[in-house]
Amino acid sequence: MATKLNKQLKREIEVDGKPYMITLSPEGVKLTEKGKRLGREHTWKDLLGNGGGGGGGGGAPGGAFGPAG
């Protein structure tokens, strides 16, 4: 049985030699370059393609992650 996600879970990952922080929460997911505050944020509905068009991260349609900037 899986554990429910009821609070934020932060982990560090490395992509192309650069460290990033990924935060999973009940509301969605946020990917931020380590040491920065602003990152790409998506709700779970955005990632599933049910977001209704708006969204905090300005990502590609269908919730795909792309390069920031």
C-alpha atoms as a PDB file:
ATOM      1  CA  MET A   1       0.000   0.000   0.000  1.00  0.00           C
ATOM      2  CA  ALA A   2       1.345   3.427  -0.942  1.00  0.00           C
ATOM      3  CA  THR A   3       1.742   6.283   1.529  1.00  0.00           C
ATOM      4  CA  LYS A   4      -0.595   9.247   0.982  1.00  0.00           C
ATOM      5  CA  LEU A   5       1.034  12.547   0.095  1.00  0.00           C
ATOM      6  CA  ASN A   6      -0.378  14.896   2.740  1.00  0.00           C
ATOM      7  CA  LYS A   7       2.518  17.378   3.098  1.00  0.00           C
ATOM      8  CA  GLN A   8       5.422  18.673   1.005  1.00  0.00           C
ATOM      9  CA  LEU A   9       8.211  16.286   0.067  1.00  0.00           C
ATOM     10  CA  LYS A  10      11.447  17.898  -1.176  1.00  0.00           C
ATOM     11  CA  ARG A  11      14.278  16.109  -2.946  1.00  0.00           C
ATOM     12  CA  GLU A  12      17.406  17.188  -4.793  1.00  0.00           C
ATOM     13  CA  ILE A  13      18.017  15.875  -8.293  1.00  0.00           C
ATOM     14  CA  GLU A  14      20.751  16.518 -10.845  1.00  0.00           C
ATOM     15  CA  VAL A  15      19.990  17.210 -14.509  1.00  0.00           C
ATOM     16  CA  ASP A  16      22.896  17.718 -16.934  1.00  0.00           C
ATOM     17  CA  GLY A  17      25.217  18.383 -14.000  1.00  0.00           C
ATOM     18  CA  LYS A  18      22.989  21.112 -12.480  1.00  0.00           C
ATOM     19  CA  PRO A  19      21.302  20.608  -9.100  1.00  0.00           C
ATOM     20  CA  TYR A  20      17.537  21.130  -8.860  1.00  0.00           C
ATOM     21  CA  MET A  21      14.995  20.864  -6.060  1.00  0.00           C
ATOM     22  CA  ILE A  22      11.754  19.041  -6.764  1.00  0.00           C
ATOM     23  CA  THR A  23       8.854  19.576  -4.387  1.00  0.00           C
ATOM     24  CA  LEU A  24       5.876  17.243  -4.412  1.00  0.00           C
ATOM     25  CA  SER A  25       2.763  18.399  -2.572  1.00  0.00           C
ATOM     26  CA  PRO A  26      -0.909  17.459  -2.491  1.00  0.00           C
ATOM     27  CA  GLU A  27      -1.537  20.404  -4.855  1.00  0.00           C
ATOM     28  CA  GLY A  28       1.113  19.583  -7.466  1.00  0.00           C
ATOM     29  CA  VAL A  29       4.814  19.570  -8.297  1.00  0.00           C
ATOM     30  CA  LYS A  30       7.461  22.321  -8.471  1.00  0.00           C
ATOM     31  CA  LEU A  31      10.911  22.117 -10.068  1.00  0.00           C
ATOM     32  CA  THR A  32      13.391  24.831  -9.088  1.00  0.00           C
ATOM     33  CA  GLU A  33      17.089  25.337  -9.783  1.00  0.00           C
ATOM     34  CA  LYS A  34      18.884  24.877  -6.452  1.00  0.00           C
ATOM     35  CA  GLY A  35      19.479  28.188  -4.708  1.00  0.00           C
ATOM     36  CA  LYS A  36      16.680  29.951  -6.609  1.00  0.00           C
ATOM     37  CA  ARG A  37      13.120  30.664  -5.530  1.00  0.00           C
ATOM     38  CA  LEU A  38      11.221  30.738  -8.788  1.00  0.00           C
ATOM     39  CA  GLY A  39      10.664  27.558 -10.726  1.00  0.00           C
ATOM     40  CA  ARG A  40       8.200  25.683 -12.870  1.00  0.00           C
ATOM     41  CA  GLU A  41       5.053  24.754 -11.005  1.00  0.00           C
ATOM     42  CA  HIS A  42       2.182  22.540 -12.172  1.00  0.00           C
ATOM     43  CA  THR A  43      -0.927  21.222 -10.496  1.00  0.00           C
ATOM     44  CA  TRP A  44      -1.702  17.538 -10.779  1.00  0.00           C
ATOM     45  CA  LYS A  45      -4.628  18.425 -13.070  1.00  0.00           C
ATOM     46  CA  ASP A  46      -2.230  20.352 -15.350  1.00  0.00           C
ATOM     47  CA  LEU A  47       0.029  17.316 -15.601  1.00  0.00           C
ATOM     48  CA  LEU A  48      -2.904  15.048 -16.384  1.00  0.00           C
ATOM     49  CA  GLY A  49      -4.144  17.440 -19.072  1.00  0.00           C
ATOM     50  CA  ASN A  50      -7.297  18.448 -17.152  1.00  0.00           C
ATOM     51  CA  GLY A  51      -6.087  21.872 -16.061  1.00  0.00           C
ATOM     52  CA  GLY A  52      -8.603  23.949 -17.962  1.00  0.00           C
ATOM     53  CA  GLY A  53      -6.044  26.148 -19.666  1.00  0.00           C
ATOM     54  CA  GLY A  54      -4.591  28.329 -16.866  1.00  0.00           C
ATOM     55  CA  GLY A  55      -1.844  27.307 -14.548  1.00  0.00           C
ATOM     56  CA  GLY A  56       1.039  28.703 -12.639  1.00  0.00           C
ATOM     57  CA  GLY A  57       3.958  27.391 -14.632  1.00  0.00           C
ATOM     58  CA  GLY A  58       3.145  28.378 -18.178  1.00  0.00           C
ATOM     59  CA  GLY A  59       4.241  24.970 -19.385  1.00  0.00           C
ATOM     60  CA  ALA A  60       3.504  23.311 -22.691  1.00  0.00           C
ATOM     61  CA  PRO A  61       0.013  21.957 -23.444  1.00  0.00           C
ATOM     62  CA  GLY A  62      -0.605  18.601 -21.875  1.00  0.00           C
ATOM     63  CA  GLY A  63       1.546  19.461 -18.879  1.00  0.00           C
ATOM     64  CA  ALA A  64       4.923  18.582 -20.409  1.00  0.00           C
ATOM     65  CA  PHE A  65       7.993  20.022 -18.691  1.00  0.00           C
ATOM     66  CA  GLY A  66      10.235  22.074 -20.917  1.00  0.00           C
ATOM     67  CA  PRO A  67      13.355  24.154 -20.414  1.00  0.00           C
ATOM     68  CA  ALA A  68      12.874  27.131 -18.129  1.00  0.00           C
ATOM     69  CA  GLY A  69      13.637  30.329 -19.989  1.00  0.00           C
END
